[in-house]
PDB file of N, CA and C in Angstrom:
ATOM      1  N   MET A   1       0.876  -0.978  -0.035  1.00  0.00           N
ATOM      2  CA  MET A   1       0.142   0.119  -0.037  1.00  0.00           C
ATOM      3  C   MET A   1       0.929   1.349  -0.056  1.00  0.00           C
ATOM      4  N   THR A   2       0.540   2.373  -0.791  1.00  0.00           N
ATOM      5  CA  THR A   2       1.103   3.475  -0.854  1.00  0.00           C
ATOM      6  C   THR A   2       0.609   4.600   0.270  1.00  0.00           C
ATOM      7  N   PHE A   3       1.386   5.523   0.359  1.00  0.00           N
ATOM      8  CA  PHE A   3       1.036   6.648   1.459  1.00  0.00           C
ATOM      9  C   PHE A   3      -0.567   7.318   0.760  1.00  0.00           C
ATOM     10  N   GLY A   4      -0.270   7.557  -0.582  1.00  0.00           N
ATOM     11  CA  GLY A   4      -1.498   8.196  -1.218  1.00  0.00           C
ATOM     12  C   GLY A   4      -2.703   7.208  -1.254  1.00  0.00           C
ATOM     13  N   SER A   5      -2.436   5.968  -1.415  1.00  0.00           N
ATOM     14  CA  SER A   5      -3.755   5.116  -1.437  1.00  0.00           C
ATOM     15  C   SER A   5      -4.295   4.873  -0.074  1.00  0.00           C
ATOM     16  N   ARG A   6      -3.475   5.032   0.911  1.00  0.00           N
ATOM     17  CA  ARG A   6      -3.984   4.934   2.332  1.00  0.00           C
ATOM     18  C   ARG A   6      -4.737   6.113   2.644  1.00  0.00           C
ATOM     19  N   ILE A   7      -4.213   7.099   2.271  1.00  0.00           N
ATOM     20  CA  ILE A   7      -4.962   8.517   2.602  1.00  0.00           C
ATOM     21  C   ILE A   7      -6.195   8.507   1.837  1.00  0.00           C
ATOM     22  N   ARG A   8      -6.442   7.991   0.601  1.00  0.00           N
ATOM     23  CA  ARG A   8      -7.812   7.656   0.060  1.00  0.00           C
ATOM     24  C   ARG A   8      -8.610   7.085   0.703  1.00  0.00           C
ATOM     25  N   GLU A   9      -8.067   5.843   0.937  1.00  0.00           N
ATOM     26  CA  GLU A   9      -8.940   4.736   1.725  1.00  0.00           C
ATOM     27  C   GLU A   9      -9.468   5.378   3.087  1.00  0.00           C
ATOM     28  N   LEU A  10      -8.710   5.943   4.074  1.00  0.00           N
ATOM     29  CA  LEU A  10      -8.992   6.396   4.933  1.00  0.00           C
ATOM     30  C   LEU A  10     -10.135   7.677   4.842  1.00  0.00           C
ATOM     31  N   ARG A  11     -10.015   8.639   3.852  1.00  0.00           N
ATOM     32  CA  ARG A  11     -10.803   9.652   3.707  1.00  0.00           C
ATOM     33  C   ARG A  11     -11.951   9.175   3.257  1.00  0.00           C
ATOM     34  N   GLN A  12     -12.140   8.013   2.176  1.00  0.00           N
ATOM     35  CA  GLN A  12     -13.483   7.553   1.720  1.00  0.00           C
ATOM     36  C   GLN A  12     -14.070   6.581   2.950  1.00  0.00           C
ATOM     37  N   ALA A  13     -13.372   6.113   3.862  1.00  0.00           N
ATOM     38  CA  ALA A  13     -13.972   5.145   4.967  1.00  0.00           C
ATOM     39  C   ALA A  13     -14.900   6.394   5.870  1.00  0.00           C
ATOM     40  N   LYS A  14     -14.314   7.688   6.003  1.00  0.00           N
ATOM     41  CA  LYS A  14     -14.945   8.670   6.706  1.00  0.00           C
ATOM     42  C   LYS A  14     -16.024   9.415   6.064  1.00  0.00           C
ATOM     43  N   ASN A  15     -16.302   8.869   4.717  1.00  0.00           N
ATOM     44  CA  ASN A  15     -17.145   9.856   3.777  1.00  0.00           C
ATOM     45  C   ASN A  15     -16.790  11.159   3.565  1.00  0.00           C
ATOM     46  N   LEU A  16     -15.637  11.476   3.417  1.00  0.00           N
ATOM     47  CA  LEU A  16     -14.962  12.876   3.308  1.00  0.00           C
ATOM     48  C   LEU A  16     -14.697  12.956   1.668  1.00  0.00           C
ATOM     49  N   THR A  17     -15.016  14.035   1.373  1.00  0.00           N
ATOM     50  CA  THR A  17     -14.587  14.448  -0.118  1.00  0.00           C
ATOM     51  C   THR A  17     -13.206  15.027  -0.089  1.00  0.00           C
ATOM     52  N   LEU A  18     -12.568  15.145  -1.206  1.00  0.00           N
ATOM     53  CA  LEU A  18     -11.183  15.895  -1.188  1.00  0.00           C
ATOM     54  C   LEU A  18     -11.405  17.131  -0.565  1.00  0.00           C
ATOM     55  N   ARG A  19     -12.094  17.944  -1.046  1.00  0.00           N
ATOM     56  CA  ARG A  19     -12.401  19.265  -0.339  1.00  0.00           C
ATOM     57  C   ARG A  19     -12.738  19.239   1.106  1.00  0.00           C
ATOM     58  N   ASP A  20     -13.458  18.426   1.658  1.00  0.00           N
ATOM     59  CA  ASP A  20     -13.723  18.315   3.209  1.00  0.00           C
ATOM     60  C   ASP A  20     -12.408  18.125   3.802  1.00  0.00           C
ATOM     61  N   LEU A  21     -11.650  17.254   3.172  1.00  0.00           N
ATOM     62  CA  LEU A  21     -10.412  16.935   4.200  1.00  0.00           C
ATOM     63  C   LEU A  21      -9.430  18.051   3.956  1.00  0.00           C
ATOM     64  N   ALA A  22      -9.431  18.530   2.622  1.00  0.00           N
ATOM     65  CA  ALA A  22      -8.420  19.698   2.237  1.00  0.00           C
ATOM     66  C   ALA A  22      -8.866  20.813   3.430  1.00  0.00           C
ATOM     67  N   LYS A  23     -10.006  21.136   3.584  1.00  0.00           N
ATOM     68  CA  LYS A  23     -10.459  22.311   4.306  1.00  0.00           C
ATOM     69  C   LYS A  23     -10.007  21.938   5.779  1.00  0.00           C
ATOM     70  N   LYS A  24     -10.142  20.732   6.060  1.00  0.00           N
ATOM     71  CA  LYS A  24      -9.874  20.218   7.863  1.00  0.00           C
ATOM     72  C   LYS A  24      -8.120  20.526   7.885  1.00  0.00           C
ATOM     73  N   VAL A  25      -7.497  20.036   7.028  1.00  0.00           N
ATOM     74  CA  VAL A  25      -6.008  20.158   7.144  1.00  0.00           C
ATOM     75  C   VAL A  25      -5.385  21.422   6.468  1.00  0.00           C
ATOM     76  N   LYS A  26      -6.081  22.419   5.933  1.00  0.00           N
ATOM     77  CA  LYS A  26      -5.603  23.576   5.390  1.00  0.00           C
ATOM     78  C   LYS A  26      -4.845  23.466   4.215  1.00  0.00           C
ATOM     79  N   VAL A  27      -5.146  22.688   3.386  1.00  0.00           N
ATOM     80  CA  VAL A  27      -4.383  22.497   1.986  1.00  0.00           C
ATOM     81  C   VAL A  27      -5.487  22.528   1.096  1.00  0.00           C
ATOM     82  N   THR A  28      -5.019  22.858  -0.388  1.00  0.00           N
ATOM     83  CA  THR A  28      -5.920  22.798  -1.450  1.00  0.00           C
ATOM     84  C   THR A  28      -6.205  21.353  -1.610  1.00  0.00           C
ATOM     85  N   TYR A  29      -7.744  21.390  -2.351  1.00  0.00           N
ATOM     86  CA  TYR A  29      -8.045  19.838  -2.710  1.00  0.00           C
ATOM     87  C   TYR A  29      -7.210  19.314  -3.782  1.00  0.00           C
ATOM     88  N   THR A  30      -6.588  20.369  -4.785  1.00  0.00           N
ATOM     89  CA  THR A  30      -5.737  19.727  -5.781  1.00  0.00           C
ATOM     90  C   THR A  30      -4.549  19.140  -5.211  1.00  0.00           C
ATOM     91  N   TYR A  31      -3.821  19.846  -4.285  1.00  0.00           N
ATOM     92  CA  TYR A  31      -2.728  19.203  -3.471  1.00  0.00           C
ATOM     93  C   TYR A  31      -3.061  17.972  -3.070  1.00  0.00           C
ATOM     94  N   LEU A  32      -4.221  17.709  -2.354  1.00  0.00           N
ATOM     95  CA  LEU A  32      -4.436  16.477  -1.527  1.00  0.00           C
ATOM     96  C   LEU A  32      -4.883  15.313  -2.904  1.00  0.00           C
ATOM     97  N   SER A  33      -5.433  15.912  -3.888  1.00  0.00           N
ATOM     98  CA  SER A  33      -5.559  14.905  -4.887  1.00  0.00           C
ATOM     99  C   SER A  33      -4.204  14.429  -5.704  1.00  0.00           C
ATOM    100  N   LYS A  34      -3.232  15.166  -5.744  1.00  0.00           N
ATOM    101  CA  LYS A  34      -1.859  14.882  -6.157  1.00  0.00           C
ATOM    102  C   LYS A  34      -1.326  13.937  -5.191  1.00  0.00           C
ATOM    103  N   ILE A  35      -1.252  14.173  -3.854  1.00  0.00           N
ATOM    104  CA  ILE A  35      -1.086  13.142  -2.935  1.00  0.00           C
ATOM    105  C   ILE A  35      -1.529  11.763  -3.189  1.00  0.00           C
ATOM    106  N   GLU A  36      -2.931  11.663  -3.273  1.00  0.00           N
ATOM    107  CA  GLU A  36      -3.683  10.346  -3.403  1.00  0.00           C
ATOM    108  C   GLU A  36      -3.173   9.570  -4.594  1.00  0.00           C
ATOM    109  N   ASN A  37      -2.958  10.555  -5.728  1.00  0.00           N
ATOM    110  CA  ASN A  37      -2.775   9.921  -7.079  1.00  0.00           C
ATOM    111  C   ASN A  37      -1.223   9.817  -7.355  1.00  0.00           C
ATOM    112  N   GLN A  38      -0.532  10.074  -6.223  1.00  0.00           N
ATOM    113  CA  GLN A  38       1.101   9.969  -6.438  1.00  0.00           C
ATOM    114  C   GLN A  38       1.540  10.723  -7.525  1.00  0.00           C
ATOM    115  N   LYS A  39       1.028  11.992  -7.622  1.00  0.00           N
ATOM    116  CA  LYS A  39       1.365  12.764  -8.556  1.00  0.00           C
ATOM    117  C   LYS A  39       2.260  14.235  -8.297  1.00  0.00           C
ATOM    118  N   LEU A  40       2.982  14.062  -7.045  1.00  0.00           N
ATOM    119  CA  LEU A  40       3.654  15.083  -6.426  1.00  0.00           C
ATOM    120  C   LEU A  40       5.229  14.998  -7.014  1.00  0.00           C
ATOM    121  N   SER A  41       5.689  16.110  -7.437  1.00  0.00           N
ATOM    122  CA  SER A  41       7.101  16.393  -7.607  1.00  0.00           C
ATOM    123  C   SER A  41       7.838  16.390  -6.425  1.00  0.00           C
ATOM    124  N   PHE A  42       9.116  16.307  -6.536  1.00  0.00           N
ATOM    125  CA  PHE A  42       9.945  16.090  -5.283  1.00  0.00           C
ATOM    126  C   PHE A  42       9.732  17.205  -4.514  1.00  0.00           C
ATOM    127  N   GLY A  43       9.738  18.402  -4.621  1.00  0.00           N
ATOM    128  CA  GLY A  43       9.457  19.580  -3.638  1.00  0.00           C
ATOM    129  C   GLY A  43       8.160  19.588  -3.171  1.00  0.00           C
ATOM    130  N   GLU A  44       7.370  18.764  -3.604  1.00  0.00           N
ATOM    131  CA  GLU A  44       5.941  19.150  -3.066  1.00  0.00           C
ATOM    132  C   GLU A  44       5.452  17.960  -2.078  1.00  0.00           C
ATOM    133  N   PHE A  45       6.371  17.190  -1.608  1.00  0.00           N
ATOM    134  CA  PHE A  45       6.169  16.022  -0.817  1.00  0.00           C
ATOM    135  C   PHE A  45       5.614  16.735   0.556  1.00  0.00           C
ATOM    136  N   PRO A  46       4.597  16.214   1.277  1.00  0.00           N
ATOM    137  CA  PRO A  46       4.086  16.597   2.450  1.00  0.00           C
ATOM    138  C   PRO A  46       5.241  16.576   3.649  1.00  0.00           C
ATOM    139  N   SER A  47       5.091  17.520   4.271  1.00  0.00           N
ATOM    140  CA  SER A  47       6.063  17.608   5.633  1.00  0.00           C
ATOM    141  C   SER A  47       5.484  16.532   6.751  1.00  0.00           C
ATOM    142  N   ASP A  48       6.553  16.358   7.510  1.00  0.00           N
ATOM    143  CA  ASP A  48       5.830  15.597   8.738  1.00  0.00           C
ATOM    144  C   ASP A  48       4.717  16.186   9.421  1.00  0.00           C
ATOM    145  N   GLU A  49       4.804  17.531   9.465  1.00  0.00           N
ATOM    146  CA  GLU A  49       3.610  18.004  10.394  1.00  0.00           C
ATOM    147  C   GLU A  49       2.329  18.022   9.510  1.00  0.00           C
ATOM    148  N   LEU A  50       2.400  18.025   8.131  1.00  0.00           N
ATOM    149  CA  LEU A  50       0.995  17.810   7.482  1.00  0.00           C
ATOM    150  C   LEU A  50       0.570  16.340   7.554  1.00  0.00           C
ATOM    151  N   ILE A  51       1.678  15.490   7.418  1.00  0.00           N
ATOM    152  CA  ILE A  51       1.279  13.916   7.701  1.00  0.00           C
ATOM    153  C   ILE A  51       0.470  13.761   8.972  1.00  0.00           C
ATOM    154  N   VAL A  52       1.104  14.389  10.069  1.00  0.00           N
ATOM    155  CA  VAL A  52       0.549  14.309  11.329  1.00  0.00           C
ATOM    156  C   VAL A  52      -0.909  14.854  11.298  1.00  0.00           C
ATOM    157  N   GLU A  53      -1.037  16.005  10.774  1.00  0.00           N
ATOM    158  CA  GLU A  53      -2.474  16.708  10.539  1.00  0.00           C
ATOM    159  C   GLU A  53      -3.294  15.878   9.760  1.00  0.00           C
ATOM    160  N   LEU A  54      -2.880  15.315   8.789  1.00  0.00           N
ATOM    161  CA  LEU A  54      -3.849  14.254   8.013  1.00  0.00           C
ATOM    162  C   LEU A  54      -4.249  13.289   9.055  1.00  0.00           C
ATOM    163  N   ALA A  55      -3.302  12.723   9.546  1.00  0.00           N
ATOM    164  CA  ALA A  55      -3.597  11.627  10.602  1.00  0.00           C
ATOM    165  C   ALA A  55      -4.704  12.104  11.638  1.00  0.00           C
ATOM    166  N   ARG A  56      -4.552  13.116  12.234  1.00  0.00           N
ATOM    167  CA  ARG A  56      -5.690  13.557  13.136  1.00  0.00           C
ATOM    168  C   ARG A  56      -6.841  13.932  12.227  1.00  0.00           C
ATOM    169  N   GLY A  57      -7.069  14.482  11.171  1.00  0.00           N
ATOM    170  CA  GLY A  57      -8.120  14.635  10.397  1.00  0.00           C
ATOM    171  C   GLY A  57      -8.726  13.496   9.947  1.00  0.00           C
ATOM    172  N   LEU A  58      -8.022  12.108   9.831  1.00  0.00           N
ATOM    173  CA  LEU A  58      -8.729  11.038   9.328  1.00  0.00           C
ATOM    174  C   LEU A  58      -8.720  10.053  10.508  1.00  0.00           C
ATOM    175  N   ASP A  59      -8.480  10.509  11.813  1.00  0.00           N
ATOM    176  CA  ASP A  59      -8.451   9.569  12.897  1.00  0.00           C
ATOM    177  C   ASP A  59      -7.488   8.291  12.704  1.00  0.00           C
ATOM    178  N   ALA A  60      -6.241   8.718  12.263  1.00  0.00           N
ATOM    179  CA  ALA A  60      -5.329   7.424  11.823  1.00  0.00           C
ATOM    180  C   ALA A  60      -4.089   7.582  12.907  1.00  0.00           C
ATOM    181  N   ASP A  61      -3.567   6.521  12.605  1.00  0.00           N
ATOM    182  CA  ASP A  61      -2.098   6.526  13.152  1.00  0.00           C
ATOM    183  C   ASP A  61      -1.116   7.398  12.566  1.00  0.00           C
ATOM    184  N   PRO A  62      -0.589   8.156  13.143  1.00  0.00           N
ATOM    185  CA  PRO A  62       0.562   8.969  12.460  1.00  0.00           C
ATOM    186  C   PRO A  62       1.609   8.336  12.168  1.00  0.00           C
ATOM    187  N   ASP A  63       2.264   7.463  12.824  1.00  0.00           N
ATOM    188  CA  ASP A  63       3.459   6.558  12.647  1.00  0.00           C
ATOM    189  C   ASP A  63       3.069   5.898  11.472  1.00  0.00           C
ATOM    190  N   GLU A  64       1.957   5.195  11.185  1.00  0.00           N
ATOM    191  CA  GLU A  64       1.527   4.312   9.917  1.00  0.00           C
ATOM    192  C   GLU A  64       1.822   5.359   8.724  1.00  0.00           C
ATOM    193  N   LEU A  65       1.043   6.553   8.861  1.00  0.00           N
ATOM    194  CA  LEU A  65       1.283   7.405   7.730  1.00  0.00           C
ATOM    195  C   LEU A  65       2.697   7.883   7.456  1.00  0.00           C
ATOM    196  N   LEU A  66       3.482   8.289   8.496  1.00  0.00           N
ATOM    197  CA  LEU A  66       4.618   8.735   8.241  1.00  0.00           C
ATOM    198  C   LEU A  66       5.504   7.500   7.727  1.00  0.00           C
ATOM    199  N   ILE A  67       5.403   6.389   8.167  1.00  0.00           N
ATOM    200  CA  ILE A  67       6.181   5.186   7.587  1.00  0.00           C
ATOM    201  C   ILE A  67       5.760   5.108   5.924  1.00  0.00           C
ATOM    202  N   LEU A  68       4.558   5.006   5.952  1.00  0.00           N
ATOM    203  CA  LEU A  68       4.120   4.930   4.278  1.00  0.00           C
ATOM    204  C   LEU A  68       4.667   5.902   3.550  1.00  0.00           C
ATOM    205  N   ALA A  69       4.914   7.314   4.039  1.00  0.00           N
ATOM    206  CA  ALA A  69       5.566   8.175   3.258  1.00  0.00           C
ATOM    207  C   ALA A  69       6.952   8.273   3.516  1.00  0.00           C
ATOM    208  N   GLU A  70       7.581   7.116   3.757  1.00  0.00           N
ATOM    209  CA  GLU A  70       9.009   6.873   3.962  1.00  0.00           C
ATOM    210  C   GLU A  70       9.642   7.899   4.919  1.00  0.00           C
ATOM    211  N   LYS A  71       9.047   8.201   5.945  1.00  0.00           N
ATOM    212  CA  LYS A  71       9.409   9.272   6.895  1.00  0.00           C
ATOM    213  C   LYS A  71       9.655   8.372   8.205  1.00  0.00           C
ATOM    214  N   ILE A  72      10.718   8.715   8.934  1.00  0.00           N
ATOM    215  CA  ILE A  72      10.725   7.869  10.310  1.00  0.00           C
ATOM    216  C   ILE A  72      10.292   8.725  11.331  1.00  0.00           C
ATOM    217  N   PRO A  73       9.120   8.185  12.138  1.00  0.00           N
ATOM    218  CA  PRO A  73       8.531   8.858  13.286  1.00  0.00           C
ATOM    219  C   PRO A  73       9.744   9.196  14.009  1.00  0.00           C
ATOM    220  N   ASP A  74       9.650  10.596  15.073  1.00  0.00           N
ATOM    221  CA  ASP A  74      10.626  10.971  15.911  1.00  0.00           C
ATOM    222  C   ASP A  74      11.034   9.809  16.953  1.00  0.00           C
ATOM    223  N   ALA A  75      10.000   9.224  17.500  1.00  0.00           N
ATOM    224  CA  ALA A  75      10.209   8.445  18.521  1.00  0.00           C
ATOM    225  C   ALA A  75      11.130   7.117  18.180  1.00  0.00           C
ATOM    226  N   ILE A  76      10.849   6.769  16.908  1.00  0.00           N
ATOM    227  CA  ILE A  76      11.666   5.374  16.526  1.00  0.00           C
ATOM    228  C   ILE A  76      12.954   6.036  16.057  1.00  0.00           C
ATOM    229  N   ARG A  77      13.074   7.075  15.322  1.00  0.00           N
ATOM    230  CA  ARG A  77      14.623   7.583  14.965  1.00  0.00           C
ATOM    231  C   ARG A  77      15.337   7.847  16.378  1.00  0.00           C
ATOM    232  N   LYS A  78      14.809   8.396  17.310  1.00  0.00           N
ATOM    233  CA  LYS A  78      15.600   8.543  18.482  1.00  0.00           C
ATOM    234  C   LYS A  78      16.004   7.216  19.187  1.00  0.00           C
ATOM    235  N   ARG A  79      15.230   6.269  19.079  1.00  0.00           N
ATOM    236  CA  ARG A  79      15.490   4.808  19.742  1.00  0.00           C
ATOM    237  C   ARG A  79      16.341   4.246  18.919  1.00  0.00           C
ATOM    238  N   VAL A  80      16.384   4.399  17.526  1.00  0.00           N
ATOM    239  CA  VAL A  80      17.582   3.928  16.744  1.00  0.00           C
ATOM    240  C   VAL A  80      18.856   4.366  16.920  1.00  0.00           C
ATOM    241  N   LEU A  81      18.860   5.566  17.268  1.00  0.00           N
ATOM    242  CA  LEU A  81      19.994   6.313  17.461  1.00  0.00           C
ATOM    243  C   LEU A  81      20.734   6.039  18.939  1.00  0.00           C
ATOM    244  N   GLN A  82      19.566   5.781  19.785  1.00  0.00           N
ATOM    245  CA  GLN A  82      20.102   5.269  21.121  1.00  0.00           C
ATOM    246  C   GLN A  82      20.903   3.916  20.861  1.00  0.00           C
ATOM    247  N   ARG A  83      20.315   2.947  20.226  1.00  0.00           N
ATOM    248  CA  ARG A  83      20.583   1.640  20.141  1.00  0.00           C
ATOM    249  C   ARG A  83      20.741   1.104  18.819  1.00  0.00           C
ATOM    250  N   PRO A  84      21.660   1.677  18.091  1.00  0.00           N
ATOM    251  CA  PRO A  84      21.840   1.108  16.542  1.00  0.00           C
ATOM    252  C   PRO A  84      22.338  -0.323  16.518  1.00  0.00           C
ATOM    253  N   ASP A  85      22.978  -0.775  17.517  1.00  0.00           N
ATOM    254  CA  ASP A  85      23.406  -2.215  17.538  1.00  0.00           C
ATOM    255  C   ASP A  85      22.258  -3.157  17.654  1.00  0.00           C
ATOM    256  N   VAL A  86      21.225  -2.790  18.245  1.00  0.00           N
ATOM    257  CA  VAL A  86      20.107  -3.656  18.553  1.00  0.00           C
ATOM    258  C   VAL A  86      19.314  -3.472  17.136  1.00  0.00           C
ATOM    259  N   PHE A  87      19.143  -2.554  16.477  1.00  0.00           N
ATOM    260  CA  PHE A  87      18.231  -2.403  15.152  1.00  0.00           C
ATOM    261  C   PHE A  87      18.924  -2.886  14.021  1.00  0.00           C
ATOM    262  N   ARG A  88      20.457  -2.806  14.179  1.00  0.00           N
ATOM    263  CA  ARG A  88      21.220  -3.458  13.027  1.00  0.00           C
ATOM    264  C   ARG A  88      21.034  -5.058  12.986  1.00  0.00           C
ATOM    265  N   ARG A  89      20.969  -5.531  14.341  1.00  0.00           N
ATOM    266  CA  ARG A  89      20.520  -7.087  14.428  1.00  0.00           C
ATOM    267  C   ARG A  89      19.099  -7.271  13.972  1.00  0.00           C
ATOM    268  N   LEU A  90      18.182  -6.457  14.501  1.00  0.00           N
ATOM    269  CA  LEU A  90      16.782  -6.896  14.203  1.00  0.00           C
ATOM    270  C   LEU A  90      16.554  -6.573  12.611  1.00  0.00           C
ATOM    271  N   SER A  91      17.318  -5.704  11.914  1.00  0.00           N
ATOM    272  CA  SER A  91      17.186  -5.558  10.380  1.00  0.00           C
ATOM    273  C   SER A  91      17.456  -6.932   9.492  1.00  0.00           C
ATOM    274  N   GLY A  92      18.409  -7.792  10.233  1.00  0.00           N
ATOM    275  CA  GLY A  92      18.810  -8.919   9.567  1.00  0.00           C
ATOM    276  C   GLY A  92      18.143  -9.999   9.834  1.00  0.00           C
ATOM    277  N   LEU A  93      16.963  -9.909  10.594  1.00  0.00           N
ATOM    278  CA  LEU A  93      16.142 -10.943  10.860  1.00  0.00           C
ATOM    279  C   LEU A  93      15.114 -11.197   9.800  1.00  0.00           C
ATOM    280  N   ASP A  94      14.922 -12.672   9.385  1.00  0.00           N
ATOM    281  CA  ASP A  94      13.748 -12.706   8.451  1.00  0.00           C
ATOM    282  C   ASP A  94      12.464 -12.920   9.085  1.00  0.00           C
ATOM    283  N   ASP A  95      11.200 -12.697   8.464  1.00  0.00           N
ATOM    284  CA  ASP A  95      10.128 -12.118   9.037  1.00  0.00           C
ATOM    285  C   ASP A  95       9.532 -13.578  10.231  1.00  0.00           C
ATOM    286  N   GLU A  96      10.014 -14.675   9.795  1.00  0.00           N
ATOM    287  CA  GLU A  96       9.606 -15.619  10.854  1.00  0.00           C
ATOM    288  C   GLU A  96      10.593 -15.471  12.238  1.00  0.00           C
ATOM    289  N   LYS A  97      11.648 -14.936  12.246  1.00  0.00           N
ATOM    290  CA  LYS A  97      12.371 -14.575  13.542  1.00  0.00           C
ATOM    291  C   LYS A  97      11.750 -13.350  14.144  1.00  0.00           C
ATOM    292  N   LEU A  98      11.560 -12.435  13.247  1.00  0.00           N
ATOM    293  CA  LEU A  98      10.715 -11.266  13.773  1.00  0.00           C
ATOM    294  C   LEU A  98       9.482 -11.488  14.464  1.00  0.00           C
ATOM    295  N   ASP A  99       8.690 -12.487  13.760  1.00  0.00           N
ATOM    296  CA  ASP A  99       7.437 -12.830  14.363  1.00  0.00           C
ATOM    297  C   ASP A  99       7.708 -13.550  15.655  1.00  0.00           C
ATOM    298  N   ALA A 100       8.866 -14.205  15.860  1.00  0.00           N
ATOM    299  CA  ALA A 100       8.889 -14.829  17.107  1.00  0.00           C
ATOM    300  C   ALA A 100       9.494 -13.863  18.235  1.00  0.00           C
ATOM    301  N   VAL A 101      10.083 -12.883  17.669  1.00  0.00           N
ATOM    302  CA  VAL A 101      10.526 -11.806  18.699  1.00  0.00           C
ATOM    303  C   VAL A 101       9.336 -10.992  19.195  1.00  0.00           C
ATOM    304  N   LEU A 102       8.255 -10.890  18.542  1.00  0.00           N
ATOM    305  CA  LEU A 102       6.971 -10.007  18.692  1.00  0.00           C
ATOM    306  C   LEU A 102       6.269 -10.966  19.665  1.00  0.00           C
ATOM    307  N   PHE A 103       6.199 -12.417  19.451  1.00  0.00           N
ATOM    308  CA  PHE A 103       5.610 -13.232  20.234  1.00  0.00           C
ATOM    309  C   PHE A 103       5.962 -13.180  21.492  1.00  0.00           C
ATOM    310  N   PHE A 104       7.411 -13.408  21.536  1.00  0.00           N
ATOM    311  CA  PHE A 104       8.123 -13.442  22.990  1.00  0.00           C
ATOM    312  C   PHE A 104       7.750 -11.851  23.791  1.00  0.00           C
ATOM    313  N   LEU A 105       7.801 -10.778  22.899  1.00  0.00           N
ATOM    314  CA  LEU A 105       7.592  -9.471  23.754  1.00  0.00           C
ATOM    315  C   LEU A 105       5.975  -9.516  24.268  1.00  0.00           C
ATOM    316  N   ASP A 106       5.224  -9.978  23.284  1.00  0.00           N
ATOM    317  CA  ASP A 106       3.555 -10.138  23.719  1.00  0.00           C
ATOM    318  C   ASP A 106       3.562 -10.849  24.961  1.00  0.00           C
ATOM    319  N   GLY A 107       4.158 -12.006  25.074  1.00  0.00           N
ATOM    320  CA  GLY A 107       3.979 -12.784  26.239  1.00  0.00           C
ATOM    321  C   GLY A 107       4.801 -12.610  27.569  1.00  0.00           C
ATOM    322  N   SER A 108       5.615 -11.432  27.393  1.00  0.00           N
ATOM    323  CA  SER A 108       6.281 -10.977  28.395  1.00  0.00           C
ATOM    324  C   SER A 108       5.282  -9.885  29.619  1.00  0.00           C
TER     325      SER A 108
END
């Protein structure tokens, strides 16, 4: 799933038009349409602040939207910088091993 398609999905689930959501987050509906249709040029990508505002307007998880936009949420970035050794090891695990780690964490 892409960032734009997720925004569209969330917007439609709330029965909002492009204009409704654009007004809520204070951008133009044409800009929002470009986001949803992946038509943004490099300099037009939404800021972290706008992504968080979109999440608020759509009652969505801001971290999910930031990650879909290929941005790293501040809390995750800070933790990675604090413990790069751990994240380096985690990044080398396959899905089965990551699932086992999550299962262990959920059981603790």
